[in-house]
């Protein structure tokens, strides 16, 4: 997600309640945001994980991943996350991939082979009417409206409505921040220029001396540069995968009686290698 990642996570932390109900259709008693570090063969950081207690009293882990482009490896990635999250929390795990790109959604979401029947929910944000967020009293939810379903001939009208609604709830720097974040997210829909035009027409920044559109552009550029640099640094720092680590992970998973085919998919070890390791482990435990 690149430069959009930080904004999406920041907005979601402040609007996850509405997101659970309106998008995922989960009615809850309470929830707790989790920040797991999935470090086995390599460290992996999930986009957003929350522990939810639903209205039936059932506790489960909700895992969200956000995509702006179709990813041919998404199914394998989600399967890997699922195994790690269950291993770490020992709770039922419900997974969603939220597609926020402008293109058509083209990703697989289920895998059936041998003793494995796996699937996750794949949602296209363009299919959710923007009014679903526009009517909220939470500015962090309202910003999501720019990514919702908007008819091509109603884009300007929709942008005006979103900005006007934000003006009702926010002033000064808070309003400036919300509109700036909306402008960045709007790049996923090619709406950024339209937003700038409508904001100029409405004179939103005329009374905010410290946050003119020019200054916002400079700040936004610095933020985007830091985000991209941080992400690149993480990628470079996390490229690893030694065989010794894979064997250690496989041994631990065998001890937990996890399916050998799933272990092979997660560790990259062959079935023959895992069977030899399994025999060695059984021999050791029986002597």
Foldseek 3Di string as FASTA:
>chain_A
DALLLVLVLVLCVQCVQLCCCLPVVFAFPDKAWDWDFQQFLFTDGFSTKMWTQGPVRAIAIEGEAEAQDADACVQLVVLLVLVSVCVVPVGHYAYEYEHQAPDDHDYDAWDDDDPDTGGHHYHYQQAAALVSQLPDLRLSSLLSSLSYHDDPVCNLVSLLSSLVSLVVRDDEPVSLVSLLSSLVSNVSVPCNVSNVVSCVVVVRCVPHVVRDPVVSVVVSVVSSVVRNVVVVVCVVVTPGGDPVSLLVVLVVVVVVVPDLVSSCSNNVDDSVVSVVVNVVVVVVVVD
